[in-house]
Amino acid sequence: MGTFHTNCVVENIVNRSHCRQVDELLVDTGSEFTWIASETLASLGIAIEKKDSPFLMANGQTVTRSVGFAIIRYENMFTVDEVVFAEPGDLQLLGARTLKGLNLMIDPARKKLVAAGPMPAASATL
């Protein structure tokens, strides 16, 4: 499928005027979480909610990182999600949970994000 990057806006869930565009996030469906530079999240006042969360890296190494809550915006869509405080040397990633929350999927031919369509729901009648 190949890889591609995209831009999004990260926003503080408590003070929504604290927001910033983050450029060149690697779209990575292999990563559950979205990873944003710690300095960016801290500058937006996004609080650490979980410390020392373990993550298995693609190279097999296990690392621990802090996690907080943020609003992630892409075009006219947004979601609230847990975000990882990426440390120097970590990639900034747009992960699978955020993509699901935004109701987006990858168009591999055009290397872009597209609307996933109606979300499945349970029927009230059996």
C-alpha atoms as a PDB file:
ATOM      1  CA  MET A   1       0.000   0.000   0.000  1.00  0.00           C
ATOM      2  CA  GLY A   2       2.863   2.376   0.696  1.00  0.00           C
ATOM      3  CA  THR A   3       3.007   5.154   3.231  1.00  0.00           C
ATOM      4  CA  PHE A   4       1.879   8.738   3.238  1.00  0.00           C
ATOM      5  CA  HIS A   5       1.646  11.705   5.562  1.00  0.00           C
ATOM      6  CA  THR A   6      -1.139  14.098   6.441  1.00  0.00           C
ATOM      7  CA  ASN A   7      -1.777  17.173   8.571  1.00  0.00           C
ATOM      8  CA  CYS A   8      -4.235  17.517  11.431  1.00  0.00           C
ATOM      9  CA  VAL A   9      -5.072  19.917  14.239  1.00  0.00           C
ATOM     10  CA  VAL A  10      -4.562  18.912  17.863  1.00  0.00           C
ATOM     11  CA  GLU A  11      -6.714  20.676  20.440  1.00  0.00           C
ATOM     12  CA  ASN A  12      -6.881  20.778  24.240  1.00  0.00           C
ATOM     13  CA  ILE A  13     -10.179  19.209  25.363  1.00  0.00           C
ATOM     14  CA  VAL A  14     -10.528  21.620  28.303  1.00  0.00           C
ATOM     15  CA  ASN A  15      -9.454  24.876  26.617  1.00  0.00           C
ATOM     16  CA  ARG A  16     -10.345  24.525  22.959  1.00  0.00           C
ATOM     17  CA  SER A  17      -8.637  27.804  22.061  1.00  0.00           C
ATOM     18  CA  HIS A  18      -5.336  25.958  22.664  1.00  0.00           C
ATOM     19  CA  CYS A  19      -4.833  24.231  19.323  1.00  0.00           C
ATOM     20  CA  ARG A  20      -2.104  23.747  16.777  1.00  0.00           C
ATOM     21  CA  GLN A  21      -1.733  22.243  13.346  1.00  0.00           C
ATOM     22  CA  VAL A  22       0.620  19.276  13.266  1.00  0.00           C
ATOM     23  CA  ASP A  23       2.174  18.693   9.863  1.00  0.00           C
ATOM     24  CA  GLU A  24       3.436  15.499   8.294  1.00  0.00           C
ATOM     25  CA  LEU A  25       1.905  12.859  10.554  1.00  0.00           C
ATOM     26  CA  LEU A  26       2.612   9.393   9.188  1.00  0.00           C
ATOM     27  CA  VAL A  27      -0.713   7.624   8.615  1.00  0.00           C
ATOM     28  CA  ASP A  28      -0.133   4.290  10.330  1.00  0.00           C
ATOM     29  CA  THR A  29      -2.933   1.728  10.696  1.00  0.00           C
ATOM     30  CA  GLY A  30      -0.407  -0.546  12.396  1.00  0.00           C
ATOM     31  CA  SER A  31      -0.277   1.829  15.354  1.00  0.00           C
ATOM     32  CA  GLU A  32      -3.309   1.842  17.637  1.00  0.00           C
ATOM     33  CA  PHE A  33      -2.540   5.279  19.063  1.00  0.00           C
ATOM     34  CA  THR A  34      -1.751   8.678  17.592  1.00  0.00           C
ATOM     35  CA  TRP A  35       1.713   9.920  18.594  1.00  0.00           C
ATOM     36  CA  ILE A  36       2.375  13.665  18.844  1.00  0.00           C
ATOM     37  CA  ALA A  37       5.587  15.347  20.017  1.00  0.00           C
ATOM     38  CA  SER A  38       5.608  15.807  23.793  1.00  0.00           C
ATOM     39  CA  GLU A  39       6.617  19.446  23.444  1.00  0.00           C
ATOM     40  CA  THR A  40       3.584  20.142  21.232  1.00  0.00           C
ATOM     41  CA  LEU A  41       1.149  18.466  23.620  1.00  0.00           C
ATOM     42  CA  ALA A  42       2.694  20.182  26.655  1.00  0.00           C
ATOM     43  CA  SER A  43       2.562  23.593  24.934  1.00  0.00           C
ATOM     44  CA  LEU A  44      -1.177  23.076  24.391  1.00  0.00           C
ATOM     45  CA  GLY A  45      -1.651  22.297  28.092  1.00  0.00           C
ATOM     46  CA  ILE A  46      -2.653  18.694  27.398  1.00  0.00           C
ATOM     47  CA  ALA A  47      -2.232  16.846  30.677  1.00  0.00           C
ATOM     48  CA  ILE A  48      -0.558  13.488  31.139  1.00  0.00           C
ATOM     49  CA  GLU A  49      -3.306  11.100  32.252  1.00  0.00           C
ATOM     50  CA  LYS A  50      -1.338   7.840  32.172  1.00  0.00           C
ATOM     51  CA  LYS A  51       2.381   7.435  32.836  1.00  0.00           C
ATOM     52  CA  ASP A  52       4.630   4.604  31.724  1.00  0.00           C
ATOM     53  CA  SER A  53       2.178   2.984  29.306  1.00  0.00           C
ATOM     54  CA  PRO A  54       3.972   0.143  27.480  1.00  0.00           C
ATOM     55  CA  PHE A  55       4.148   0.101  23.674  1.00  0.00           C
ATOM     56  CA  LEU A  56       5.627  -2.532  21.369  1.00  0.00           C
ATOM     57  CA  MET A  57       7.594  -0.819  18.601  1.00  0.00           C
ATOM     58  CA  ALA A  58       7.837  -2.147  15.043  1.00  0.00           C
ATOM     59  CA  ASN A  59      11.432  -3.284  15.728  1.00  0.00           C
ATOM     60  CA  GLY A  60      10.249  -5.470  18.639  1.00  0.00           C
ATOM     61  CA  GLN A  61      11.480  -3.102  21.362  1.00  0.00           C
ATOM     62  CA  THR A  62       9.114  -2.260  24.227  1.00  0.00           C
ATOM     63  CA  VAL A  63       9.074   1.367  25.367  1.00  0.00           C
ATOM     64  CA  THR A  64       7.016   3.301  27.880  1.00  0.00           C
ATOM     65  CA  ARG A  65       5.402   6.645  27.137  1.00  0.00           C
ATOM     66  CA  SER A  66       2.894   8.994  28.717  1.00  0.00           C
ATOM     67  CA  VAL A  67      -0.639   9.321  27.343  1.00  0.00           C
ATOM     68  CA  GLY A  68      -3.166  12.173  27.467  1.00  0.00           C
ATOM     69  CA  PHE A  69      -6.518  13.157  25.964  1.00  0.00           C
ATOM     70  CA  ALA A  70      -6.886  15.483  22.969  1.00  0.00           C
ATOM     71  CA  ILE A  71      -9.267  16.487  20.226  1.00  0.00           C
ATOM     72  CA  ILE A  72      -7.911  15.563  16.797  1.00  0.00           C
ATOM     73  CA  ARG A  73      -9.299  17.445  13.787  1.00  0.00           C
ATOM     74  CA  TYR A  74      -8.948  16.504  10.143  1.00  0.00           C
ATOM     75  CA  GLU A  75     -10.691  18.759   7.630  1.00  0.00           C
ATOM     76  CA  ASN A  76     -14.281  19.141   8.953  1.00  0.00           C
ATOM     77  CA  MET A  77     -14.162  16.018  11.166  1.00  0.00           C
ATOM     78  CA  PHE A  78     -13.011  15.645  14.760  1.00  0.00           C
ATOM     79  CA  THR A  79     -12.737  13.062  17.521  1.00  0.00           C
ATOM     80  CA  VAL A  80     -11.549  12.857  21.109  1.00  0.00           C
ATOM     81  CA  ASP A  81      -8.804  10.296  21.584  1.00  0.00           C
ATOM     82  CA  GLU A  82      -5.891   9.220  23.725  1.00  0.00           C
ATOM     83  CA  VAL A  83      -2.595  10.527  22.336  1.00  0.00           C
ATOM     84  CA  VAL A  84       0.930   9.396  23.107  1.00  0.00           C
ATOM     85  CA  PHE A  85       3.522  11.970  24.196  1.00  0.00           C
ATOM     86  CA  ALA A  86       6.177  11.137  21.579  1.00  0.00           C
ATOM     87  CA  GLU A  87       9.773  11.599  22.669  1.00  0.00           C
ATOM     88  CA  PRO A  88      12.714  12.720  20.513  1.00  0.00           C
ATOM     89  CA  GLY A  89      13.412  10.014  17.939  1.00  0.00           C
ATOM     90  CA  ASP A  90       9.792   8.787  17.901  1.00  0.00           C
ATOM     91  CA  LEU A  91       7.723   9.201  14.758  1.00  0.00           C
ATOM     92  CA  GLN A  92       4.625  11.382  14.845  1.00  0.00           C
ATOM     93  CA  LEU A  93       1.787   9.070  13.790  1.00  0.00           C
ATOM     94  CA  LEU A  94      -1.925   9.245  13.049  1.00  0.00           C
ATOM     95  CA  GLY A  95      -3.053   5.882  14.440  1.00  0.00           C
ATOM     96  CA  ALA A  96      -5.901   3.466  13.796  1.00  0.00           C
ATOM     97  CA  ARG A  97      -8.047   4.519  16.780  1.00  0.00           C
ATOM     98  CA  THR A  98      -8.044   8.145  15.657  1.00  0.00           C
ATOM     99  CA  LEU A  99      -8.843   7.143  12.073  1.00  0.00           C
ATOM    100  CA  LYS A 100     -11.787   5.079  13.347  1.00  0.00           C
ATOM    101  CA  GLY A 101     -12.982   7.960  15.537  1.00  0.00           C
ATOM    102  CA  LEU A 102     -12.784  10.318  12.553  1.00  0.00           C
ATOM    103  CA  ASN A 103     -14.663   7.699  10.491  1.00  0.00           C
ATOM    104  CA  LEU A 104     -11.923   7.730   7.864  1.00  0.00           C
ATOM    105  CA  MET A 105     -10.261   5.025   5.832  1.00  0.00           C
ATOM    106  CA  ILE A 106      -7.245   4.966   3.575  1.00  0.00           C
ATOM    107  CA  ASP A 107      -7.576   5.188  -0.194  1.00  0.00           C
ATOM    108  CA  PRO A 108      -4.352   3.330  -1.091  1.00  0.00           C
ATOM    109  CA  ALA A 109      -4.422   4.244  -4.789  1.00  0.00           C
ATOM    110  CA  ARG A 110      -4.582   7.981  -4.116  1.00  0.00           C
ATOM    111  CA  LYS A 111      -2.654   7.834  -0.815  1.00  0.00           C
ATOM    112  CA  LYS A 112      -5.182   9.928   1.022  1.00  0.00           C
ATOM    113  CA  LEU A 113      -7.817   9.702   3.736  1.00  0.00           C
ATOM    114  CA  VAL A 114     -11.455   9.400   2.672  1.00  0.00           C
ATOM    115  CA  ALA A 115     -14.802   9.130   4.466  1.00  0.00           C
ATOM    116  CA  ALA A 116     -15.565   5.558   5.549  1.00  0.00           C
ATOM    117  CA  GLY A 117     -19.318   5.955   5.044  1.00  0.00           C
ATOM    118  CA  PRO A 118     -22.154   5.166   7.444  1.00  0.00           C
ATOM    119  CA  MET A 119     -21.055   3.597  10.710  1.00  0.00           C
ATOM    120  CA  PRO A 120     -22.557   0.210  11.570  1.00  0.00           C
ATOM    121  CA  ALA A 121     -25.076   0.179  14.411  1.00  0.00           C
ATOM    122  CA  ALA A 122     -27.301  -2.384  16.037  1.00  0.00           C
ATOM    123  CA  SER A 123     -30.914  -2.558  14.901  1.00  0.00           C
ATOM    124  CA  ALA A 124     -33.683  -1.888  17.411  1.00  0.00           C
ATOM    125  CA  THR A 125     -35.750  -4.667  15.859  1.00  0.00           C
ATOM    126  CA  LEU A 126     -34.791  -8.309  15.702  1.00  0.00           C
END
